[in-house]
C-alpha atoms as a PDB file:
ATOM      1  CA  UNK A   1      43.614   1.885 -18.397  1.00  0.00           C
ATOM      2  CA  UNK A   2      40.087   0.426 -18.895  1.00  0.00           C
ATOM      3  CA  UNK A   3      40.433  -1.893 -15.691  1.00  0.00           C
ATOM      4  CA  UNK A   4      41.472   1.039 -13.694  1.00  0.00           C
ATOM      5  CA  UNK A   5      38.493   3.119 -14.690  1.00  0.00           C
ATOM      6  CA  UNK A   6      36.167   0.220 -13.886  1.00  0.00           C
ATOM      7  CA  UNK A   7      37.879  -0.201 -10.547  1.00  0.00           C
ATOM      8  CA  UNK A   8      37.566   3.510  -9.651  1.00  0.00           C
ATOM      9  CA  UNK A   9      33.936   3.677 -10.689  1.00  0.00           C
ATOM     10  CA  UNK A  10      33.173   0.716  -8.442  1.00  0.00           C
ATOM     11  CA  UNK A  11      34.927   2.400  -5.440  1.00  0.00           C
ATOM     12  CA  UNK A  12      32.966   5.637  -5.929  1.00  0.00           C
ATOM     13  CA  UNK A  13      29.703   3.738  -6.179  1.00  0.00           C
ATOM     14  CA  UNK A  14      30.253   1.760  -3.126  1.00  0.00           C
ATOM     15  CA  UNK A  15      31.444   4.687  -1.183  1.00  0.00           C
ATOM     16  CA  UNK A  16      28.300   6.832  -2.165  1.00  0.00           C
ATOM     17  CA  UNK A  17      25.865   6.810   0.820  1.00  0.00           C
ATOM     18  CA  UNK A  18      22.643   4.928  -0.172  1.00  0.00           C
ATOM     19  CA  UNK A  19      19.351   6.243   1.273  1.00  0.00           C
ATOM     20  CA  UNK A  20      17.042   3.277   2.710  1.00  0.00           C
ATOM     21  CA  UNK A  21      13.369   3.765   2.222  1.00  0.00           C
ATOM     22  CA  UNK A  22      10.300   1.733   3.114  1.00  0.00           C
ATOM     23  CA  UNK A  23       7.108   1.943   0.879  1.00  0.00           C
ATOM     24  CA  UNK A  24       3.664   0.606   2.083  1.00  0.00           C
ATOM     25  CA  UNK A  25       1.103   0.554  -0.670  1.00  0.00           C
ATOM     26  CA  UNK A  26      -2.715   0.138  -0.067  1.00  0.00           C
ATOM     27  CA  UNK A  27      -4.618  -1.314  -3.122  1.00  0.00           C
ATOM     28  CA  UNK A  28      -8.157  -2.413  -3.870  1.00  0.00           C
ATOM     29  CA  UNK A  29      -7.851  -5.919  -5.146  1.00  0.00           C
ATOM     30  CA  UNK A  30     -11.190  -7.221  -6.285  1.00  0.00           C
ATOM     31  CA  UNK A  31     -13.336  -7.244  -3.114  1.00  0.00           C
ATOM     32  CA  UNK A  32     -10.463  -6.861  -0.732  1.00  0.00           C
ATOM     33  CA  UNK A  33      -8.029  -4.265   0.519  1.00  0.00           C
ATOM     34  CA  UNK A  34      -4.403  -5.369   0.452  1.00  0.00           C
ATOM     35  CA  UNK A  35      -1.382  -3.609   1.781  1.00  0.00           C
ATOM     36  CA  UNK A  36       2.098  -4.439   0.424  1.00  0.00           C
ATOM     37  CA  UNK A  37       5.231  -3.063   2.110  1.00  0.00           C
ATOM     38  CA  UNK A  38       8.856  -3.536   1.207  1.00  0.00           C
ATOM     39  CA  UNK A  39      12.285  -1.759   1.626  1.00  0.00           C
ATOM     40  CA  UNK A  40      14.598  -1.168   4.328  1.00  0.00           C
ATOM     41  CA  UNK A  41      15.122   1.366   7.223  1.00  0.00           C
ATOM     42  CA  UNK A  42      17.977   3.265   8.638  1.00  0.00           C
ATOM     43  CA  UNK A  43      17.177   3.448  12.389  1.00  0.00           C
ATOM     44  CA  UNK A  44      20.423   5.285  13.458  1.00  0.00           C
ATOM     45  CA  UNK A  45      18.779   8.598  13.633  1.00  0.00           C
ATOM     46  CA  UNK A  46      15.945   7.430  15.908  1.00  0.00           C
ATOM     47  CA  UNK A  47      15.445   6.782  19.566  1.00  0.00           C
ATOM     48  CA  UNK A  48      14.085   3.552  21.100  1.00  0.00           C
ATOM     49  CA  UNK A  49      10.697   4.394  22.696  1.00  0.00           C
ATOM     50  CA  UNK A  50       9.467   0.992  23.884  1.00  0.00           C
ATOM     51  CA  UNK A  51       9.464  -2.756  23.135  1.00  0.00           C
ATOM     52  CA  UNK A  52       5.860  -3.990  22.542  1.00  0.00           C
ATOM     53  CA  UNK A  53       3.615  -6.751  21.077  1.00  0.00           C
ATOM     54  CA  UNK A  54       1.355  -5.437  18.238  1.00  0.00           C
ATOM     55  CA  UNK A  55      -1.272  -6.826  15.671  1.00  0.00           C
ATOM     56  CA  UNK A  56      -1.915  -5.566  12.140  1.00  0.00           C
ATOM     57  CA  UNK A  57      -4.606  -2.885  11.742  1.00  0.00           C
ATOM     58  CA  UNK A  58      -5.604   0.492  10.257  1.00  0.00           C
ATOM     59  CA  UNK A  59      -6.598   3.671  12.021  1.00  0.00           C
ATOM     60  CA  UNK A  60      -6.588   6.253   9.238  1.00  0.00           C
ATOM     61  CA  UNK A  61      -7.471   9.211  11.494  1.00  0.00           C
ATOM     62  CA  UNK A  62      -4.564   8.524  13.812  1.00  0.00           C
ATOM     63  CA  UNK A  63      -2.366   7.774  10.790  1.00  0.00           C
ATOM     64  CA  UNK A  64      -1.825   4.122  11.879  1.00  0.00           C
ATOM     65  CA  UNK A  65      -0.954   1.721   9.071  1.00  0.00           C
ATOM     66  CA  UNK A  66       0.422  -1.713   9.740  1.00  0.00           C
ATOM     67  CA  UNK A  67       1.312  -4.676   7.612  1.00  0.00           C
ATOM     68  CA  UNK A  68       2.661  -8.179   8.118  1.00  0.00           C
ATOM     69  CA  UNK A  69       1.793 -11.463   9.600  1.00  0.00           C
ATOM     70  CA  UNK A  70      -1.562 -11.845  11.547  1.00  0.00           C
ATOM     71  CA  UNK A  71      -1.480 -12.022  15.402  1.00  0.00           C
ATOM     72  CA  UNK A  72       0.526 -10.337  18.085  1.00  0.00           C
ATOM     73  CA  UNK A  73       4.180  -9.859  17.084  1.00  0.00           C
ATOM     74  CA  UNK A  74       7.166  -8.654  19.176  1.00  0.00           C
ATOM     75  CA  UNK A  75       8.263  -5.286  17.899  1.00  0.00           C
ATOM     76  CA  UNK A  76      10.413  -2.151  18.898  1.00  0.00           C
ATOM     77  CA  UNK A  77       8.846   1.336  18.689  1.00  0.00           C
ATOM     78  CA  UNK A  78      11.280   4.195  17.650  1.00  0.00           C
ATOM     79  CA  UNK A  79      10.603   7.903  17.823  1.00  0.00           C
ATOM     80  CA  UNK A  80      12.045  10.743  15.783  1.00  0.00           C
ATOM     81  CA  UNK A  81       9.763  10.453  12.891  1.00  0.00           C
ATOM     82  CA  UNK A  82       7.870  13.508  11.252  1.00  0.00           C
ATOM     83  CA  UNK A  83       5.010  13.546   8.862  1.00  0.00           C
ATOM     84  CA  UNK A  84       1.189  13.692   8.295  1.00  0.00           C
ATOM     85  CA  UNK A  85      -0.937  13.127  11.454  1.00  0.00           C
ATOM     86  CA  UNK A  86      -3.899  11.515   9.416  1.00  0.00           C
ATOM     87  CA  UNK A  87      -4.470   9.796   6.087  1.00  0.00           C
ATOM     88  CA  UNK A  88      -8.275   9.495   6.308  1.00  0.00           C
ATOM     89  CA  UNK A  89     -11.440   9.918   8.336  1.00  0.00           C
ATOM     90  CA  UNK A  90     -11.648   6.346   9.571  1.00  0.00           C
ATOM     91  CA  UNK A  91     -11.437   6.203  13.461  1.00  0.00           C
ATOM     92  CA  UNK A  92     -11.769   2.484  14.012  1.00  0.00           C
ATOM     93  CA  UNK A  93      -9.117  -0.044  14.728  1.00  0.00           C
ATOM     94  CA  UNK A  94      -9.824  -2.371  11.838  1.00  0.00           C
ATOM     95  CA  UNK A  95      -7.651  -5.661  12.018  1.00  0.00           C
ATOM     96  CA  UNK A  96      -6.549  -7.522   9.024  1.00  0.00           C
ATOM     97  CA  UNK A  97      -7.913 -11.066   8.258  1.00  0.00           C
ATOM     98  CA  UNK A  98      -4.537 -12.508   7.388  1.00  0.00           C
ATOM     99  CA  UNK A  99      -1.026 -11.396   6.373  1.00  0.00           C
ATOM    100  CA  UNK A 100       2.561 -12.505   5.735  1.00  0.00           C
ATOM    101  CA  UNK A 101       6.090 -11.129   6.283  1.00  0.00           C
ATOM    102  CA  UNK A 102       7.670  -8.669   8.791  1.00  0.00           C
ATOM    103  CA  UNK A 103       5.437  -6.500  11.003  1.00  0.00           C
ATOM    104  CA  UNK A 104       6.234  -2.956  10.019  1.00  0.00           C
ATOM    105  CA  UNK A 105       4.078   0.050  10.769  1.00  0.00           C
ATOM    106  CA  UNK A 106       3.976   3.817  10.870  1.00  0.00           C
ATOM    107  CA  UNK A 107       2.188   5.636  13.933  1.00  0.00           C
ATOM    108  CA  UNK A 108       1.776   9.124  12.391  1.00  0.00           C
ATOM    109  CA  UNK A 109      -0.108  10.634  15.376  1.00  0.00           C
ATOM    110  CA  UNK A 110       2.547   9.762  17.945  1.00  0.00           C
ATOM    111  CA  UNK A 111       4.665  10.008  15.645  1.00  0.00           C
ATOM    112  CA  UNK A 112       6.605   6.661  15.708  1.00  0.00           C
ATOM    113  CA  UNK A 113       7.976   3.828  13.704  1.00  0.00           C
ATOM    114  CA  UNK A 114       7.603   0.154  14.420  1.00  0.00           C
ATOM    115  CA  UNK A 115       9.757  -2.709  13.306  1.00  0.00           C
ATOM    116  CA  UNK A 116      10.267  -6.343  14.187  1.00  0.00           C
ATOM    117  CA  UNK A 117      12.339  -6.586  17.517  1.00  0.00           C
ATOM    118  CA  UNK A 118      15.062  -8.391  15.873  1.00  0.00           C
ATOM    119  CA  UNK A 119      15.401  -6.067  12.946  1.00  0.00           C
ATOM    120  CA  UNK A 120      19.031  -4.888  11.985  1.00  0.00           C
ATOM    121  CA  UNK A 121      19.031  -1.321  10.788  1.00  0.00           C
ATOM    122  CA  UNK A 122      19.508  -0.911   7.061  1.00  0.00           C
ATOM    123  CA  UNK A 123      18.838  -4.417   6.091  1.00  0.00           C
ATOM    124  CA  UNK A 124      16.129  -5.483   3.761  1.00  0.00           C
ATOM    125  CA  UNK A 125      12.692  -6.046   5.527  1.00  0.00           C
ATOM    126  CA  UNK A 126      11.462  -8.374   2.802  1.00  0.00           C
ATOM    127  CA  UNK A 127       8.007  -8.239   1.448  1.00  0.00           C
ATOM    128  CA  UNK A 128       5.008  -7.830   3.828  1.00  0.00           C
ATOM    129  CA  UNK A 129       1.343  -8.131   3.077  1.00  0.00           C
ATOM    130  CA  UNK A 130      -2.025  -7.815   4.937  1.00  0.00           C
ATOM    131  CA  UNK A 131      -5.479  -8.382   3.546  1.00  0.00           C
ATOM    132  CA  UNK A 132      -8.844  -6.970   4.605  1.00  0.00           C
ATOM    133  CA  UNK A 133     -11.544  -9.200   3.257  1.00  0.00           C
ATOM    134  CA  UNK A 134     -14.696  -7.801   1.742  1.00  0.00           C
ATOM    135  CA  UNK A 135     -13.534  -4.252   2.359  1.00  0.00           C
ATOM    136  CA  UNK A 136     -12.999  -1.142   0.300  1.00  0.00           C
ATOM    137  CA  UNK A 137     -10.567   1.713   0.683  1.00  0.00           C
ATOM    138  CA  UNK A 138     -13.292   4.121   1.177  1.00  0.00           C
ATOM    139  CA  UNK A 139     -15.091   1.838   3.641  1.00  0.00           C
ATOM    140  CA  UNK A 140     -11.862   1.676   5.600  1.00  0.00           C
ATOM    141  CA  UNK A 141     -11.975   5.451   5.899  1.00  0.00           C
ATOM    142  CA  UNK A 142      -8.704   5.901   3.877  1.00  0.00           C
ATOM    143  CA  UNK A 143      -8.105   8.948   1.625  1.00  0.00           C
ATOM    144  CA  UNK A 144      -6.112   8.363  -1.517  1.00  0.00           C
ATOM    145  CA  UNK A 145      -2.727   9.933  -1.678  1.00  0.00           C
ATOM    146  CA  UNK A 146       0.952   9.687  -0.873  1.00  0.00           C
ATOM    147  CA  UNK A 147       1.900  10.158   2.777  1.00  0.00           C
ATOM    148  CA  UNK A 148       5.703  10.647   3.401  1.00  0.00           C
ATOM    149  CA  UNK A 149       7.266  10.307   6.762  1.00  0.00           C
ATOM    150  CA  UNK A 150      10.831  11.513   7.333  1.00  0.00           C
ATOM    151  CA  UNK A 151      13.508  10.329   9.997  1.00  0.00           C
ATOM    152  CA  UNK A 152      17.117  11.065  10.569  1.00  0.00           C
ATOM    153  CA  UNK A 153      19.326  13.635   8.870  1.00  0.00           C
ATOM    154  CA  UNK A 154      22.233  13.938   6.464  1.00  0.00           C
ATOM    155  CA  UNK A 155      23.791  10.365   6.015  1.00  0.00           C
ATOM    156  CA  UNK A 156      21.008   8.743   8.141  1.00  0.00           C
ATOM    157  CA  UNK A 157      18.012  10.517   6.421  1.00  0.00           C
ATOM    158  CA  UNK A 158      15.217   8.063   5.590  1.00  0.00           C
ATOM    159  CA  UNK A 159      11.617   7.907   4.415  1.00  0.00           C
ATOM    160  CA  UNK A 160       8.623   5.673   5.182  1.00  0.00           C
ATOM    161  CA  UNK A 161       5.940   6.280   2.609  1.00  0.00           C
ATOM    162  CA  UNK A 162       2.182   5.186   2.533  1.00  0.00           C
ATOM    163  CA  UNK A 163       0.664   5.198  -0.824  1.00  0.00           C
ATOM    164  CA  UNK A 164      -3.104   4.926  -0.763  1.00  0.00           C
ATOM    165  CA  UNK A 165      -4.282   4.239  -4.254  1.00  0.00           C
ATOM    166  CA  UNK A 166      -7.408   5.695  -5.706  1.00  0.00           C
ATOM    167  CA  UNK A 167     -10.310   3.308  -5.672  1.00  0.00           C
ATOM    168  CA  UNK A 168     -11.287   2.998  -9.377  1.00  0.00           C
ATOM    169  CA  UNK A 169     -14.827   2.383 -10.521  1.00  0.00           C
ATOM    170  CA  UNK A 170     -15.557  -1.309 -11.121  1.00  0.00           C
ATOM    171  CA  UNK A 171     -14.764  -2.511 -14.625  1.00  0.00           C
ATOM    172  CA  UNK A 172     -17.146  -5.063 -16.091  1.00  0.00           C
ATOM    173  CA  UNK A 173     -15.706  -8.514 -16.578  1.00  0.00           C
ATOM    174  CA  UNK A 174     -15.321 -10.142 -20.006  1.00  0.00           C
ATOM    175  CA  UNK A 175     -18.380 -12.265 -19.394  1.00  0.00           C
ATOM    176  CA  UNK A 176     -20.557  -9.206 -18.469  1.00  0.00           C
ATOM    177  CA  UNK A 177     -19.430  -7.331 -21.637  1.00  0.00           C
ATOM    178  CA  UNK A 178     -20.457 -10.575 -23.705  1.00  0.00           C
ATOM    179  CA  UNK A 179     -23.903 -10.513 -22.022  1.00  0.00           C
ATOM    180  CA  UNK A 180     -24.246  -6.724 -22.701  1.00  0.00           C
ATOM    181  CA  UNK A 181     -23.279  -7.074 -26.291  1.00  0.00           C
ATOM    182  CA  UNK A 182     -25.481  -9.959 -26.849  1.00  0.00           C
ATOM    183  CA  UNK A 183     -28.425  -7.878 -25.387  1.00  0.00           C
ATOM    184  CA  UNK A 184     -27.651  -4.987 -27.633  1.00  0.00           C
ATOM    185  CA  UNK A 185     -27.590  -7.352 -30.630  1.00  0.00           C
ATOM    186  CA  UNK A 186     -31.046  -8.706 -29.753  1.00  0.00           C
ATOM    187  CA  UNK A 187     -32.533  -5.283 -29.327  1.00  0.00           C
ATOM    188  CA  UNK A 188     -30.979  -4.154 -32.622  1.00  0.00           C
ATOM    189  CA  UNK A 189     -32.421  -7.403 -34.372  1.00  0.00           C
ATOM    190  CA  UNK A 190     -35.853  -6.657 -32.893  1.00  0.00           C
ATOM    191  CA  UNK A 191     -35.879  -3.172 -34.133  1.00  0.00           C
ATOM    192  CA  UNK A 192     -34.840  -4.273 -37.531  1.00  0.00           C
ATOM    193  CA  UNK A 193     -37.637  -6.952 -37.618  1.00  0.00           C
ATOM    194  CA  UNK A 194     -40.178  -4.242 -36.646  1.00  0.00           C
ATOM    195  CA  UNK A 195     -39.005  -1.843 -39.428  1.00  0.00           C
ATOM    196  CA  UNK A 196     -39.313  -4.551 -41.909  1.00  0.00           C
ATOM    197  CA  UNK A 197     -42.857  -5.545 -40.898  1.00  0.00           C
ATOM    198  CA  UNK A 198     -43.942  -2.019 -40.967  1.00  0.00           C
ATOM    199  CA  UNK A 199     -42.601  -1.383 -44.360  1.00  0.00           C
ATOM    200  CA  UNK A 200     -44.410  -4.542 -45.751  1.00  0.00           C
ATOM    201  CA  UNK A 201     -47.694  -3.536 -44.001  1.00  0.00           C
ATOM    202  CA  UNK A 202     -47.484   0.029 -45.596  1.00  0.00           C
ATOM    203  CA  UNK A 203     -46.966  -1.234 -49.028  1.00  0.00           C
END
């Protein structure tokens, strides 16, 4: 009986439609901005718009975010996407310094989706990254928030999410904390010494 229940459960789980999804996260990592993308995409509800060659860059005002290896890569552009038309005020095409993995992008102002030309719908795109050296999230003109793009419907429904993390205030490194504490200790010792001298002189 137990074996039958396990078998039935496995069949139910395998028959349930699984919604694919792709998430691209924009983070401040030290002095650099890094995008990390991963997931899969169901393209069956989309239409091919064009084959093209594209590099990795940001244009927040036009809601363009791309991640993946540096240089021009052959891609296919699909239409049938809906979502935000912008995720910031930055209007420049700011190219990444280097990157790894599949070229994946959202073109929110079009709107459209970009994937490698040889990509098979529903398969794992693997991890992709792009790095903008000596940059900040604010400097690139990005506004923190979660921007969700939707495509397809019912069994072909899918999402592409751009998460722009809030740029936190710089936190002092351990060495800096050590110097600050040492400085405060010296100030405290100096004040204690002055108080002692003043007391002796008054006596």
